[in-house]
Amino acid sequence: MLKAGVEERLHEATGLLLADNEALLNLAHADAPMRMSEIAERLVLSRGGTTKVIDRLEEAGLVERATDPSDRRALVVAMTDDGRAMLEKTRPVVDEALQELWARHLTDEQAEQVLDAVTSVHEGNPDWHH
């Protein structure tokens, strides 16, 4: 329900889907262009699903593919300046949607409990850390 609500608002405001935004966020925080397999792993998508996301973003001019300098058979994806500008547009849309659909319905104590629970799960699964 939360995901659908956030995605609806994000799509209306920017034309992006949540997976598109997640791909941009991962690329923005990467030290270097990322391989498709890395993006797929972080997005928890199939290769085909990841290809569709990157195709949409490339068509919109938000990312670009290039040959991996360390392996000419592989491709890497990097964010463009337009992609960085798009993230500046998506951040407030997502933040506002999360505030309206989620955060405003929780007391500070409940929010702390949710954070504690998610932190425990995250720390208990070190193989998930990127």
C-alpha atoms as a PDB file:
ATOM      1  CA  MET A   1       0.000   0.000   0.000  1.00  0.00           C
ATOM      2  CA  LEU A   2       2.772   2.415   0.975  1.00  0.00           C
ATOM      3  CA  LYS A   3       4.854   1.513  -2.064  1.00  0.00           C
ATOM      4  CA  ALA A   4       1.897   1.981  -4.400  1.00  0.00           C
ATOM      5  CA  GLY A   5       1.045   5.365  -2.883  1.00  0.00           C
ATOM      6  CA  VAL A   6       4.601   6.655  -3.101  1.00  0.00           C
ATOM      7  CA  GLU A   7       5.020   5.343  -6.640  1.00  0.00           C
ATOM      8  CA  GLU A   8       1.765   6.953  -7.776  1.00  0.00           C
ATOM      9  CA  ARG A   9       2.893  10.357  -6.503  1.00  0.00           C
ATOM     10  CA  LEU A  10       6.388   9.951  -7.870  1.00  0.00           C
ATOM     11  CA  HIS A  11       5.092   8.951 -11.294  1.00  0.00           C
ATOM     12  CA  GLU A  12       2.603  11.829 -11.422  1.00  0.00           C
ATOM     13  CA  ALA A  13       5.274  14.379 -10.495  1.00  0.00           C
ATOM     14  CA  THR A  14       8.255  13.067 -12.459  1.00  0.00           C
ATOM     15  CA  GLY A  15       7.205  10.227 -14.774  1.00  0.00           C
ATOM     16  CA  LEU A  16       9.496   7.822 -12.876  1.00  0.00           C
ATOM     17  CA  LEU A  17       8.659   4.569 -11.158  1.00  0.00           C
ATOM     18  CA  LEU A  18      10.113   3.664  -7.752  1.00  0.00           C
ATOM     19  CA  ALA A  19      12.588   1.241  -9.340  1.00  0.00           C
ATOM     20  CA  ASP A  20      13.781   4.044 -11.629  1.00  0.00           C
ATOM     21  CA  ASN A  21      14.334   6.311  -8.643  1.00  0.00           C
ATOM     22  CA  GLU A  22      16.094   3.529  -6.703  1.00  0.00           C
ATOM     23  CA  ALA A  23      18.443   2.927  -9.638  1.00  0.00           C
ATOM     24  CA  LEU A  24      19.290   6.636  -9.766  1.00  0.00           C
ATOM     25  CA  LEU A  25      19.886   6.725  -6.005  1.00  0.00           C
ATOM     26  CA  ASN A  26      22.237   3.734  -6.218  1.00  0.00           C
ATOM     27  CA  LEU A  27      24.141   5.296  -9.106  1.00  0.00           C
ATOM     28  CA  ALA A  28      24.374   8.609  -7.232  1.00  0.00           C
ATOM     29  CA  HIS A  29      25.972   6.906  -4.228  1.00  0.00           C
ATOM     30  CA  ALA A  30      28.346   4.716  -6.244  1.00  0.00           C
ATOM     31  CA  ASP A  31      32.020   5.612  -6.465  1.00  0.00           C
ATOM     32  CA  ALA A  32      32.120   4.649 -10.135  1.00  0.00           C
ATOM     33  CA  PRO A  33      29.755   3.542 -12.908  1.00  0.00           C
ATOM     34  CA  MET A  34      27.991   0.328 -11.967  1.00  0.00           C
ATOM     35  CA  ARG A  35      27.627  -2.939 -13.842  1.00  0.00           C
ATOM     36  CA  MET A  36      24.107  -4.074 -14.649  1.00  0.00           C
ATOM     37  CA  SER A  37      24.533  -7.086 -12.351  1.00  0.00           C
ATOM     38  CA  GLU A  38      25.366  -4.773  -9.416  1.00  0.00           C
ATOM     39  CA  ILE A  39      22.300  -2.655 -10.106  1.00  0.00           C
ATOM     40  CA  ALA A  40      20.109  -5.756 -10.367  1.00  0.00           C
ATOM     41  CA  GLU A  41      21.415  -7.040  -7.043  1.00  0.00           C
ATOM     42  CA  ARG A  42      20.785  -3.746  -5.261  1.00  0.00           C
ATOM     43  CA  LEU A  43      17.320  -3.333  -6.743  1.00  0.00           C
ATOM     44  CA  VAL A  44      16.480  -7.003  -6.131  1.00  0.00           C
ATOM     45  CA  LEU A  45      15.345  -7.309  -9.741  1.00  0.00           C
ATOM     46  CA  SER A  46      15.956  -9.845 -12.466  1.00  0.00           C
ATOM     47  CA  ARG A  47      18.391  -8.971 -15.236  1.00  0.00           C
ATOM     48  CA  GLY A  48      15.445  -8.408 -17.551  1.00  0.00           C
ATOM     49  CA  GLY A  49      13.722  -6.145 -15.036  1.00  0.00           C
ATOM     50  CA  THR A  50      16.917  -4.181 -14.531  1.00  0.00           C
ATOM     51  CA  THR A  51      17.389  -3.832 -18.273  1.00  0.00           C
ATOM     52  CA  LYS A  52      13.884  -2.351 -18.555  1.00  0.00           C
ATOM     53  CA  VAL A  53      14.641   0.161 -15.781  1.00  0.00           C
ATOM     54  CA  ILE A  54      17.946   1.210 -17.345  1.00  0.00           C
ATOM     55  CA  ASP A  55      16.359   1.355 -20.815  1.00  0.00           C
ATOM     56  CA  ARG A  56      13.707   3.786 -19.503  1.00  0.00           C
ATOM     57  CA  LEU A  57      16.304   5.912 -17.739  1.00  0.00           C
ATOM     58  CA  GLU A  58      18.609   5.939 -20.761  1.00  0.00           C
ATOM     59  CA  GLU A  59      15.757   6.892 -23.090  1.00  0.00           C
ATOM     60  CA  ALA A  60      14.964   9.811 -20.759  1.00  0.00           C
ATOM     61  CA  GLY A  61      18.631  10.878 -20.832  1.00  0.00           C
ATOM     62  CA  LEU A  62      19.102  10.236 -17.098  1.00  0.00           C
ATOM     63  CA  VAL A  63      21.789   7.538 -17.423  1.00  0.00           C
ATOM     64  CA  GLU A  64      24.219   6.362 -20.052  1.00  0.00           C
ATOM     65  CA  ARG A  65      25.758   3.000 -20.762  1.00  0.00           C
ATOM     66  CA  ALA A  66      29.437   2.570 -21.590  1.00  0.00           C
ATOM     67  CA  THR A  67      31.892  -0.267 -22.045  1.00  0.00           C
ATOM     68  CA  ASP A  68      33.525  -1.291 -18.782  1.00  0.00           C
ATOM     69  CA  PRO A  69      37.175  -0.239 -19.087  1.00  0.00           C
ATOM     70  CA  SER A  70      38.247  -3.278 -17.030  1.00  0.00           C
ATOM     71  CA  ASP A  71      36.233  -5.763 -19.155  1.00  0.00           C
ATOM     72  CA  ARG A  72      35.304  -4.732 -22.689  1.00  0.00           C
ATOM     73  CA  ARG A  73      32.602  -7.431 -22.827  1.00  0.00           C
ATOM     74  CA  ALA A  74      30.667  -5.806 -19.982  1.00  0.00           C
ATOM     75  CA  LEU A  75      28.657  -2.600 -19.794  1.00  0.00           C
ATOM     76  CA  VAL A  76      28.538  -0.100 -16.977  1.00  0.00           C
ATOM     77  CA  VAL A  77      25.901   2.521 -16.271  1.00  0.00           C
ATOM     78  CA  ALA A  78      26.576   6.057 -15.105  1.00  0.00           C
ATOM     79  CA  MET A  79      24.212   8.866 -14.200  1.00  0.00           C
ATOM     80  CA  THR A  80      24.097  11.959 -16.388  1.00  0.00           C
ATOM     81  CA  ASP A  81      23.761  15.555 -15.228  1.00  0.00           C
ATOM     82  CA  ASP A  82      20.053  15.302 -16.108  1.00  0.00           C
ATOM     83  CA  GLY A  83      19.849  12.228 -13.862  1.00  0.00           C
ATOM     84  CA  ARG A  84      21.346  14.169 -10.963  1.00  0.00           C
ATOM     85  CA  ALA A  85      18.891  17.003 -11.610  1.00  0.00           C
ATOM     86  CA  MET A  86      16.013  14.495 -11.639  1.00  0.00           C
ATOM     87  CA  LEU A  87      17.040  13.213  -8.203  1.00  0.00           C
ATOM     88  CA  GLU A  88      16.719  16.763  -6.911  1.00  0.00           C
ATOM     89  CA  LYS A  89      13.088  16.667  -8.132  1.00  0.00           C
ATOM     90  CA  THR A  90      12.269  13.193  -6.827  1.00  0.00           C
ATOM     91  CA  ARG A  91      13.649  13.590  -3.307  1.00  0.00           C
ATOM     92  CA  PRO A  92      11.010  16.069  -2.058  1.00  0.00           C
ATOM     93  CA  VAL A  93       8.194  14.135  -3.782  1.00  0.00           C
ATOM     94  CA  VAL A  94       9.189  10.870  -2.089  1.00  0.00           C
ATOM     95  CA  ASP A  95       9.834  12.582   1.263  1.00  0.00           C
ATOM     96  CA  GLU A  96       6.445  14.297   1.203  1.00  0.00           C
ATOM     97  CA  ALA A  97       4.643  11.089   0.217  1.00  0.00           C
ATOM     98  CA  LEU A  98       6.363   9.133   3.001  1.00  0.00           C
ATOM     99  CA  GLN A  99       5.482  11.833   5.504  1.00  0.00           C
ATOM    100  CA  GLU A 100       1.840  11.928   4.433  1.00  0.00           C
ATOM    101  CA  LEU A 101       1.286   8.194   3.991  1.00  0.00           C
ATOM    102  CA  TRP A 102       3.476   6.826   6.795  1.00  0.00           C
ATOM    103  CA  ALA A 103       5.241   9.093   9.261  1.00  0.00           C
ATOM    104  CA  ARG A 104       2.338  11.314  10.258  1.00  0.00           C
ATOM    105  CA  HIS A 105       0.418   8.249  11.424  1.00  0.00           C
ATOM    106  CA  LEU A 106       3.103   7.204  13.923  1.00  0.00           C
ATOM    107  CA  THR A 107       3.936   8.618  17.313  1.00  0.00           C
ATOM    108  CA  ASP A 108       7.603   9.317  18.019  1.00  0.00           C
ATOM    109  CA  GLU A 109       7.670   6.186  20.169  1.00  0.00           C
ATOM    110  CA  GLN A 110       6.198   4.033  17.381  1.00  0.00           C
ATOM    111  CA  ALA A 111       8.636   5.478  14.858  1.00  0.00           C
ATOM    112  CA  GLU A 112      11.527   4.634  17.208  1.00  0.00           C
ATOM    113  CA  GLN A 113      10.216   1.060  17.574  1.00  0.00           C
ATOM    114  CA  VAL A 114      10.016   0.647  13.799  1.00  0.00           C
ATOM    115  CA  LEU A 115      13.544   2.005  13.400  1.00  0.00           C
ATOM    116  CA  ASP A 116      14.843  -0.315  16.137  1.00  0.00           C
ATOM    117  CA  ALA A 117      13.158  -3.331  14.521  1.00  0.00           C
ATOM    118  CA  VAL A 118      14.476  -2.554  11.034  1.00  0.00           C
ATOM    119  CA  THR A 119      17.961  -1.895  12.417  1.00  0.00           C
ATOM    120  CA  SER A 120      17.934  -5.262  14.224  1.00  0.00           C
ATOM    121  CA  VAL A 121      16.933  -7.092  11.046  1.00  0.00           C
ATOM    122  CA  HIS A 122      19.559  -5.219   9.006  1.00  0.00           C
ATOM    123  CA  GLU A 123      22.349  -5.902  11.507  1.00  0.00           C
ATOM    124  CA  GLY A 124      21.285  -9.529  11.803  1.00  0.00           C
ATOM    125  CA  ASN A 125      21.795 -10.060   8.077  1.00  0.00           C
ATOM    126  CA  PRO A 126      25.297  -8.818   7.237  1.00  0.00           C
ATOM    127  CA  ASP A 127      25.178 -10.494   3.812  1.00  0.00           C
ATOM    128  CA  TRP A 128      22.556  -7.913   2.794  1.00  0.00           C
ATOM    129  CA  HIS A 129      24.864  -4.944   3.411  1.00  0.00           C
ATOM    130  CA  HIS A 130      26.248  -3.170   0.393  1.00  0.00           C
END
